Amino acid sequence: RHFRVFTPPGYDPSDTVKRYPVIYYFHGCRGSYDNSGVYKYSTWKLEQPEVTGRPDDPAYEYPNNAEFENYAFHHDVIIISADGKIEGLEGCGVYFPSMAPDWEGNYYNFSAYIRELVAEVDKRFHTRPEPRYRAITGLSMGGHTAVWLAASNPHLFRSASHFGFAPCYYDIGDPEHMTTIDLKEMWRNLRGVPFRHSTNDRDYLRYYTTELFEVFSGAGFSNEYYLADFCRHWAAR
C-alpha cells in the first residue's frame, strides 16, 4: 500500500538524534493518499494556499496537501497521509472491504493494517515512537476510519479527531456511501484519548457530527466540538 509523507523542511535523514511526533491522516470518499477528494481548489473557485519553504507541486492544487506542508513546517511534525483505496470496491471504494462481494478474513482490515503502518513509519523515519507523540485524524469516511482505528487501537494514539465524519448508513442512504461500523458504540474504547469533533456550519453531514459529540458527552466522555464557518464538506480550519 502507499502513503505520502510530509516532513518539516529541516528534516535530515542523516540526523538520528532529532525525532518528531507523527499525525496520521485518512482521506475521504474517492480520495487517495495524494489528495483528500476528487476536487481541486479551483473547482469551487477557492484560492490555493501558498506553501512555505517548498517548491510548487501539482499536488498542492488538491486539498489538503498545501495545508499539510505548512502545518509540518510550523509545528515540526511528520504527517502521514494513508491510502484507503481498495481495488475493485465500488462506490467510494475505500476502507470497508466487508462491502466487497469477495471479502473474507482480514483482507484490507484497516484496524490491523494501522499497526503495520505505524511500525513501518517508525522504522523508516525519525519519529518519536511513543503513543503520546502520535495523533490520528481524517475527513468524512477518513474521519470515520480515524475514529474506528483509534478505538480499535487506543494503545497507539494519544489524540484522535475527525473532520465531518461519514456516519454509518445501515438502513438509509446510498449503498455506495455505506460504512460498516457504528462509531456511537465505540466511545468506551476512547476513554483517556483526547478527542475532537470538527465540522462546518454548512456541511451536509454536520448534524451527524453534532450527534456523535452529544452521544460521547452524554456517556461522560470528555471531548471537544468545533464548528467552522465554511460552505463545503471539507476539512476546514
C-alpha atoms as a PDB file:
ATOM      1  CA  ARG A   1       0.000   0.000   0.000  1.00  0.00           C
ATOM      2  CA  HIS A   2       1.029   3.616  -0.494  1.00  0.00           C
ATOM      3  CA  PHE A   3       1.316   6.513   1.891  1.00  0.00           C
ATOM      4  CA  ARG A   4       2.517  10.079   1.404  1.00  0.00           C
ATOM      5  CA  VAL A   5       4.919  11.638   3.905  1.00  0.00           C
ATOM      6  CA  PHE A   6       5.091  15.329   4.810  1.00  0.00           C
ATOM      7  CA  THR A   7       8.247  16.230   6.726  1.00  0.00           C
ATOM      8  CA  PRO A   8       9.388  19.617   8.045  1.00  0.00           C
ATOM      9  CA  PRO A   9      11.905  21.338   5.736  1.00  0.00           C
ATOM     10  CA  GLY A  10      14.554  20.865   8.436  1.00  0.00           C
ATOM     11  CA  TYR A  11      14.119  17.076   8.470  1.00  0.00           C
ATOM     12  CA  ASP A  12      17.513  15.454   7.927  1.00  0.00           C
ATOM     13  CA  PRO A  13      17.522  11.691   7.209  1.00  0.00           C
ATOM     14  CA  SER A  14      21.114  11.503   8.484  1.00  0.00           C
ATOM     15  CA  ASP A  15      20.252  13.134  11.838  1.00  0.00           C
ATOM     16  CA  THR A  16      19.275  10.251  14.108  1.00  0.00           C
ATOM     17  CA  VAL A  17      19.112  12.413  17.247  1.00  0.00           C
ATOM     18  CA  LYS A  18      16.227  14.757  16.452  1.00  0.00           C
ATOM     19  CA  ARG A  19      12.886  12.950  16.384  1.00  0.00           C
ATOM     20  CA  TYR A  20       9.365  14.067  15.504  1.00  0.00           C
ATOM     21  CA  PRO A  21       5.750  13.480  16.548  1.00  0.00           C
ATOM     22  CA  VAL A  22       3.515  11.961  13.850  1.00  0.00           C
ATOM     23  CA  ILE A  23      -0.037  12.723  12.697  1.00  0.00           C
ATOM     24  CA  TYR A  24      -1.820  10.018  10.674  1.00  0.00           C
ATOM     25  CA  TYR A  25      -4.418  11.353   8.228  1.00  0.00           C
ATOM     26  CA  PHE A  26      -7.098   9.441   6.276  1.00  0.00           C
ATOM     27  CA  HIS A  27      -8.700  10.920   3.142  1.00  0.00           C
ATOM     28  CA  GLY A  28     -12.381  10.964   2.218  1.00  0.00           C
ATOM     29  CA  CYS A  29     -14.614   9.188  -0.300  1.00  0.00           C
ATOM     30  CA  ARG A  30     -12.917   8.610  -3.675  1.00  0.00           C
ATOM     31  CA  GLY A  31      -9.784  10.380  -2.450  1.00  0.00           C
ATOM     32  CA  SER A  32      -6.315   8.928  -2.134  1.00  0.00           C
ATOM     33  CA  TYR A  33      -3.039   9.416  -0.302  1.00  0.00           C
ATOM     34  CA  ASP A  34      -2.339  12.167  -2.872  1.00  0.00           C
ATOM     35  CA  ASN A  35      -5.450  14.224  -2.139  1.00  0.00           C
ATOM     36  CA  SER A  36      -8.433  14.288   0.214  1.00  0.00           C
ATOM     37  CA  GLY A  37     -11.031  14.088  -2.552  1.00  0.00           C
ATOM     38  CA  VAL A  38     -11.673  14.424  -6.255  1.00  0.00           C
ATOM     39  CA  TYR A  39     -11.985  18.230  -6.252  1.00  0.00           C
ATOM     40  CA  LYS A  40      -9.359  20.904  -6.754  1.00  0.00           C
ATOM     41  CA  TYR A  41      -9.492  24.287  -5.024  1.00  0.00           C
ATOM     42  CA  SER A  42     -10.292  25.787  -8.417  1.00  0.00           C
ATOM     43  CA  THR A  43     -13.381  23.580  -8.697  1.00  0.00           C
ATOM     44  CA  TRP A  44     -15.053  25.722  -6.036  1.00  0.00           C
ATOM     45  CA  LYS A  45     -13.244  28.930  -7.076  1.00  0.00           C
ATOM     46  CA  LEU A  46     -11.197  28.864  -3.879  1.00  0.00           C
ATOM     47  CA  GLU A  47      -7.680  30.215  -3.675  1.00  0.00           C
ATOM     48  CA  GLN A  48      -4.977  27.583  -3.479  1.00  0.00           C
ATOM     49  CA  PRO A  49      -2.875  28.043  -0.307  1.00  0.00           C
ATOM     50  CA  GLU A  50       0.728  29.123  -0.637  1.00  0.00           C
ATOM     51  CA  VAL A  51       3.321  26.729   0.728  1.00  0.00           C
ATOM     52  CA  THR A  52       6.162  27.912   2.949  1.00  0.00           C
ATOM     53  CA  GLY A  53       9.647  26.569   2.347  1.00  0.00           C
ATOM     54  CA  ARG A  54       8.794  24.200  -0.536  1.00  0.00           C
ATOM     55  CA  PRO A  55       8.873  24.384  -4.360  1.00  0.00           C
ATOM     56  CA  ASP A  56       5.495  24.262  -6.097  1.00  0.00           C
ATOM     57  CA  ASP A  57       3.938  20.855  -6.652  1.00  0.00           C
ATOM     58  CA  PRO A  58       0.862  19.837  -8.739  1.00  0.00           C
ATOM     59  CA  ALA A  59      -0.465  18.038  -5.653  1.00  0.00           C
ATOM     60  CA  TYR A  60      -0.998  21.425  -3.991  1.00  0.00           C
ATOM     61  CA  GLU A  61      -3.940  22.024  -6.330  1.00  0.00           C
ATOM     62  CA  TYR A  62      -5.840  19.459  -4.247  1.00  0.00           C
ATOM     63  CA  PRO A  63      -6.693  19.689  -0.564  1.00  0.00           C
ATOM     64  CA  ASN A  64      -5.133  19.267   1.894  1.00  0.00           C
ATOM     65  CA  ASN A  65      -1.553  18.870   0.704  1.00  0.00           C
ATOM     66  CA  ALA A  66      -0.522  22.521   0.943  1.00  0.00           C
ATOM     67  CA  GLU A  67      -2.002  22.784   4.439  1.00  0.00           C
ATOM     68  CA  PHE A  68      -0.124  19.657   5.497  1.00  0.00           C
ATOM     69  CA  GLU A  69       3.167  21.080   4.232  1.00  0.00           C
ATOM     70  CA  ASN A  70       2.553  24.296   6.160  1.00  0.00           C
ATOM     71  CA  TYR A  71       1.465  22.514   9.309  1.00  0.00           C
ATOM     72  CA  ALA A  72       4.559  20.295   9.240  1.00  0.00           C
ATOM     73  CA  PHE A  73       6.681  23.424   8.722  1.00  0.00           C
ATOM     74  CA  HIS A  74       5.185  25.453  11.581  1.00  0.00           C
ATOM     75  CA  HIS A  75       4.727  22.629  14.106  1.00  0.00           C
ATOM     76  CA  ASP A  76       7.784  20.468  13.423  1.00  0.00           C
ATOM     77  CA  VAL A  77       5.812  17.262  12.908  1.00  0.00           C
ATOM     78  CA  ILE A  78       5.637  14.461  10.362  1.00  0.00           C
ATOM     79  CA  ILE A  79       2.258  13.893   8.677  1.00  0.00           C
ATOM     80  CA  ILE A  80       1.400  10.545   7.109  1.00  0.00           C
ATOM     81  CA  SER A  81      -1.371  10.585   4.503  1.00  0.00           C
ATOM     82  CA  ALA A  82      -2.558   6.989   4.242  1.00  0.00           C
ATOM     83  CA  ASP A  83      -4.140   5.246   1.250  1.00  0.00           C
ATOM     84  CA  GLY A  84      -7.675   3.974   1.819  1.00  0.00           C
ATOM     85  CA  LYS A  85      -8.449   2.695  -1.668  1.00  0.00           C
ATOM     86  CA  ILE A  86      -9.468  -0.937  -2.078  1.00  0.00           C
ATOM     87  CA  GLU A  87      -9.076  -2.367  -5.571  1.00  0.00           C
ATOM     88  CA  GLY A  88     -12.377  -3.413  -7.127  1.00  0.00           C
ATOM     89  CA  LEU A  89     -14.599  -1.945  -4.398  1.00  0.00           C
ATOM     90  CA  GLU A  90     -17.494   0.000  -5.886  1.00  0.00           C
ATOM     91  CA  GLY A  91     -18.928   3.332  -4.710  1.00  0.00           C
ATOM     92  CA  CYS A  92     -16.462   5.295  -2.585  1.00  0.00           C
ATOM     93  CA  GLY A  93     -14.062   2.384  -2.896  1.00  0.00           C
ATOM     94  CA  VAL A  94     -12.332   2.947   0.423  1.00  0.00           C
ATOM     95  CA  TYR A  95     -11.735   1.473   3.885  1.00  0.00           C
ATOM     96  CA  PHE A  96     -14.592  -1.040   4.214  1.00  0.00           C
ATOM     97  CA  PRO A  97     -13.728  -4.301   2.397  1.00  0.00           C
ATOM     98  CA  SER A  98     -16.628  -6.173   4.028  1.00  0.00           C
ATOM     99  CA  MET A  99     -18.790  -4.409   1.420  1.00  0.00           C
ATOM    100  CA  ALA A 100     -16.959  -6.279  -1.358  1.00  0.00           C
ATOM    101  CA  PRO A 101     -18.634  -9.471  -2.663  1.00  0.00           C
ATOM    102  CA  ASP A 102     -15.397 -11.490  -2.383  1.00  0.00           C
ATOM    103  CA  TRP A 103     -14.398 -10.218   1.058  1.00  0.00           C
ATOM    104  CA  GLU A 104     -13.053 -12.765   3.536  1.00  0.00           C
ATOM    105  CA  GLY A 105     -10.830 -12.927   6.581  1.00  0.00           C
ATOM    106  CA  ASN A 106      -8.585  -9.943   7.299  1.00  0.00           C
ATOM    107  CA  TYR A 107      -8.439  -8.723   3.702  1.00  0.00           C
ATOM    108  CA  TYR A 108      -7.620  -4.995   3.997  1.00  0.00           C
ATOM    109  CA  ASN A 109      -8.598  -4.909   7.661  1.00  0.00           C
ATOM    110  CA  PHE A 110      -7.541  -1.346   8.456  1.00  0.00           C
ATOM    111  CA  SER A 111      -7.742  -1.875  12.221  1.00  0.00           C
ATOM    112  CA  ALA A 112      -4.896  -4.366  11.764  1.00  0.00           C
ATOM    113  CA  TYR A 113      -3.167  -2.504   8.927  1.00  0.00           C
ATOM    114  CA  ILE A 114      -2.710   0.627  11.056  1.00  0.00           C
ATOM    115  CA  ARG A 115      -0.392  -1.362  13.358  1.00  0.00           C
ATOM    116  CA  GLU A 116       1.760  -2.368  10.405  1.00  0.00           C
ATOM    117  CA  LEU A 117       1.742   1.202   9.064  1.00  0.00           C
ATOM    118  CA  VAL A 118       2.813   2.695  12.404  1.00  0.00           C
ATOM    119  CA  ALA A 119       5.602   0.144  12.738  1.00  0.00           C
ATOM    120  CA  GLU A 120       6.795   0.852   9.179  1.00  0.00           C
ATOM    121  CA  VAL A 121       6.774   4.627   9.677  1.00  0.00           C
ATOM    122  CA  ASP A 122       8.684   4.315  12.953  1.00  0.00           C
ATOM    123  CA  LYS A 123      11.235   2.109  11.196  1.00  0.00           C
ATOM    124  CA  ARG A 124      11.748   4.335   8.136  1.00  0.00           C
ATOM    125  CA  PHE A 125      11.589   7.817   9.697  1.00  0.00           C
ATOM    126  CA  HIS A 126      12.991   9.584  12.726  1.00  0.00           C
ATOM    127  CA  THR A 127       9.798   9.529  14.787  1.00  0.00           C
ATOM    128  CA  ARG A 128       9.128   9.676  18.490  1.00  0.00           C
ATOM    129  CA  PRO A 129       7.724   6.145  18.726  1.00  0.00           C
ATOM    130  CA  GLU A 130       5.725   6.522  21.965  1.00  0.00           C
ATOM    131  CA  PRO A 131       1.891   6.721  21.776  1.00  0.00           C
ATOM    132  CA  ARG A 132       1.869  10.190  23.377  1.00  0.00           C
ATOM    133  CA  TYR A 133       3.587  11.528  20.240  1.00  0.00           C
ATOM    134  CA  ARG A 134       1.017  10.073  17.794  1.00  0.00           C
ATOM    135  CA  ALA A 135      -2.301  11.540  16.598  1.00  0.00           C
ATOM    136  CA  ILE A 136      -4.890  10.252  14.128  1.00  0.00           C
ATOM    137  CA  THR A 137      -7.491  12.183  12.125  1.00  0.00           C
ATOM    138  CA  GLY A 138      -9.329  12.211   8.810  1.00  0.00           C
ATOM    139  CA  LEU A 139     -12.026  13.712   6.602  1.00  0.00           C
ATOM    140  CA  SER A 140     -15.504  12.263   6.027  1.00  0.00           C
ATOM    141  CA  MET A 141     -15.090   8.488   5.510  1.00  0.00           C
ATOM    142  CA  GLY A 142     -11.477   9.003   6.551  1.00  0.00           C
ATOM    143  CA  GLY A 143     -12.711  10.714   9.708  1.00  0.00           C
ATOM    144  CA  HIS A 144     -14.945   7.742  10.384  1.00  0.00           C
ATOM    145  CA  THR A 145     -11.965   5.466   9.816  1.00  0.00           C
ATOM    146  CA  ALA A 146      -9.709   7.515  12.106  1.00  0.00           C
ATOM    147  CA  VAL A 147     -12.187   7.204  14.989  1.00  0.00           C
ATOM    148  CA  TRP A 148     -12.615   3.483  14.341  1.00  0.00           C
ATOM    149  CA  LEU A 149      -8.843   2.900  14.244  1.00  0.00           C
ATOM    150  CA  ALA A 150      -8.254   4.924  17.418  1.00  0.00           C
ATOM    151  CA  ALA A 151     -10.991   2.967  19.205  1.00  0.00           C
ATOM    152  CA  SER A 152      -9.659  -0.380  17.988  1.00  0.00           C
ATOM    153  CA  ASN A 153      -6.049   0.595  18.809  1.00  0.00           C
ATOM    154  CA  PRO A 154      -6.209   3.043  21.735  1.00  0.00           C
ATOM    155  CA  HIS A 155      -2.740   1.923  22.831  1.00  0.00           C
ATOM    156  CA  LEU A 156      -1.234   3.525  19.696  1.00  0.00           C
ATOM    157  CA  PHE A 157      -2.550   7.093  19.947  1.00  0.00           C
ATOM    158  CA  ARG A 158      -2.760   9.981  22.374  1.00  0.00           C
ATOM    159  CA  SER A 159      -5.034  12.163  20.229  1.00  0.00           C
ATOM    160  CA  ALA A 160      -7.978  11.378  17.931  1.00  0.00           C
ATOM    161  CA  SER A 161     -10.184  13.665  15.867  1.00  0.00           C
ATOM    162  CA  HIS A 162     -12.212  13.932  12.683  1.00  0.00           C
ATOM    163  CA  PHE A 163     -13.440  16.474  10.138  1.00  0.00           C
ATOM    164  CA  GLY A 164     -17.120  15.844   9.316  1.00  0.00           C
ATOM    165  CA  PHE A 165     -17.034  12.072   9.714  1.00  0.00           C
ATOM    166  CA  ALA A 166     -19.245   9.990   7.421  1.00  0.00           C
ATOM    167  CA  PRO A 167     -21.767   8.121   9.598  1.00  0.00           C
ATOM    168  CA  CYS A 168     -22.804   4.525   9.123  1.00  0.00           C
ATOM    169  CA  TYR A 169     -25.909   4.028   6.997  1.00  0.00           C
ATOM    170  CA  TYR A 170     -27.477   0.690   7.829  1.00  0.00           C
ATOM    171  CA  ASP A 171     -30.996   1.270   6.516  1.00  0.00           C
ATOM    172  CA  ILE A 172     -30.779   4.682   4.853  1.00  0.00           C
ATOM    173  CA  GLY A 173     -28.585   6.437   2.354  1.00  0.00           C
ATOM    174  CA  ASP A 174     -26.933   5.302  -0.842  1.00  0.00           C
ATOM    175  CA  PRO A 175     -25.297   1.852  -0.675  1.00  0.00           C
ATOM    176  CA  GLU A 176     -22.087   3.212  -2.215  1.00  0.00           C
ATOM    177  CA  HIS A 177     -21.712   5.549   0.762  1.00  0.00           C
ATOM    178  CA  MET A 178     -22.263   2.923   3.437  1.00  0.00           C
ATOM    179  CA  THR A 179     -19.833   2.253   6.247  1.00  0.00           C
ATOM    180  CA  THR A 180     -19.960  -0.885   8.340  1.00  0.00           C
ATOM    181  CA  ILE A 181     -19.093   0.296  11.848  1.00  0.00           C
ATOM    182  CA  ASP A 182     -21.255   2.347  14.208  1.00  0.00           C
ATOM    183  CA  LEU A 183     -18.946   4.802  15.964  1.00  0.00           C
ATOM    184  CA  LYS A 184     -21.555   5.639  18.603  1.00  0.00           C
ATOM    185  CA  GLU A 185     -20.935   2.188  20.070  1.00  0.00           C
ATOM    186  CA  MET A 186     -17.166   2.678  20.399  1.00  0.00           C
ATOM    187  CA  TRP A 187     -16.827   5.544  22.876  1.00  0.00           C
ATOM    188  CA  ARG A 188     -15.704   3.270  25.732  1.00  0.00           C
ATOM    189  CA  ASN A 189     -12.502   2.398  23.911  1.00  0.00           C
ATOM    190  CA  LEU A 190     -11.663   6.072  23.507  1.00  0.00           C
ATOM    191  CA  ARG A 191     -11.587   6.871  27.221  1.00  0.00           C
ATOM    192  CA  GLY A 192      -8.276   8.519  28.052  1.00  0.00           C
ATOM    193  CA  VAL A 193      -7.672   9.595  24.442  1.00  0.00           C
ATOM    194  CA  PRO A 194      -8.203  13.372  23.947  1.00  0.00           C
ATOM    195  CA  PHE A 195     -10.854  13.667  21.240  1.00  0.00           C
ATOM    196  CA  ARG A 196     -12.063  16.480  18.960  1.00  0.00           C
ATOM    197  CA  HIS A 197     -15.003  16.734  16.539  1.00  0.00           C
ATOM    198  CA  SER A 198     -14.779  19.329  13.754  1.00  0.00           C
ATOM    199  CA  THR A 199     -17.458  20.230  11.223  1.00  0.00           C
ATOM    200  CA  ASN A 200     -18.682  23.198   9.181  1.00  0.00           C
ATOM    201  CA  ASP A 201     -21.852  25.224   9.580  1.00  0.00           C
ATOM    202  CA  ARG A 202     -22.950  24.395   6.000  1.00  0.00           C
ATOM    203  CA  ASP A 203     -21.684  20.819   5.885  1.00  0.00           C
ATOM    204  CA  TYR A 204     -24.460  18.429   4.844  1.00  0.00           C
ATOM    205  CA  LEU A 205     -23.136  15.904   7.417  1.00  0.00           C
ATOM    206  CA  ARG A 206     -22.906  18.470  10.205  1.00  0.00           C
ATOM    207  CA  TYR A 207     -25.702  17.007  12.316  1.00  0.00           C
ATOM    208  CA  TYR A 208     -24.103  13.574  12.455  1.00  0.00           C
ATOM    209  CA  THR A 209     -21.010  15.180  13.977  1.00  0.00           C
ATOM    210  CA  THR A 210     -23.186  17.038  16.489  1.00  0.00           C
ATOM    211  CA  GLU A 211     -24.983  13.802  17.354  1.00  0.00           C
ATOM    212  CA  LEU A 212     -21.718  11.919  17.917  1.00  0.00           C
ATOM    213  CA  PHE A 213     -20.453  14.709  20.174  1.00  0.00           C
ATOM    214  CA  GLU A 214     -23.686  14.597  22.200  1.00  0.00           C
ATOM    215  CA  VAL A 215     -23.551  10.802  22.499  1.00  0.00           C
ATOM    216  CA  PHE A 216     -19.943  10.913  23.707  1.00  0.00           C
ATOM    217  CA  SER A 217     -20.709  13.764  26.122  1.00  0.00           C
ATOM    218  CA  GLY A 218     -23.838  12.027  27.439  1.00  0.00           C
ATOM    219  CA  ALA A 219     -21.740   8.953  28.163  1.00  0.00           C
ATOM    220  CA  GLY A 220     -19.461  11.078  30.337  1.00  0.00           C
ATOM    221  CA  PHE A 221     -16.637  11.033  27.825  1.00  0.00           C
ATOM    222  CA  SER A 222     -14.769  14.338  27.707  1.00  0.00           C
ATOM    223  CA  ASN A 223     -14.444  15.550  24.101  1.00  0.00           C
ATOM    224  CA  GLU A 224     -14.277  18.808  22.125  1.00  0.00           C
ATOM    225  CA  TYR A 225     -16.579  20.189  19.414  1.00  0.00           C
ATOM    226  CA  TYR A 226     -15.558  22.810  16.853  1.00  0.00           C
ATOM    227  CA  LEU A 227     -17.862  24.407  14.279  1.00  0.00           C
ATOM    228  CA  ALA A 228     -16.136  26.272  11.428  1.00  0.00           C
ATOM    229  CA  ASP A 229     -17.686  28.910   9.187  1.00  0.00           C
ATOM    230  CA  PHE A 230     -17.336  27.176   5.814  1.00  0.00           C
ATOM    231  CA  CYS A 231     -19.541  26.293   2.863  1.00  0.00           C
ATOM    232  CA  ARG A 232     -18.454  22.753   1.958  1.00  0.00           C
ATOM    233  CA  HIS A 233     -17.997  19.245   3.309  1.00  0.00           C
ATOM    234  CA  TRP A 234     -14.278  19.775   3.805  1.00  0.00           C
ATOM    235  CA  ALA A 235     -11.503  19.750   6.402  1.00  0.00           C
ATOM    236  CA  ALA A 236     -11.784  23.456   7.147  1.00  0.00           C
ATOM    237  CA  ARG A 237      -9.719  25.409   9.691  1.00  0.00           C
END
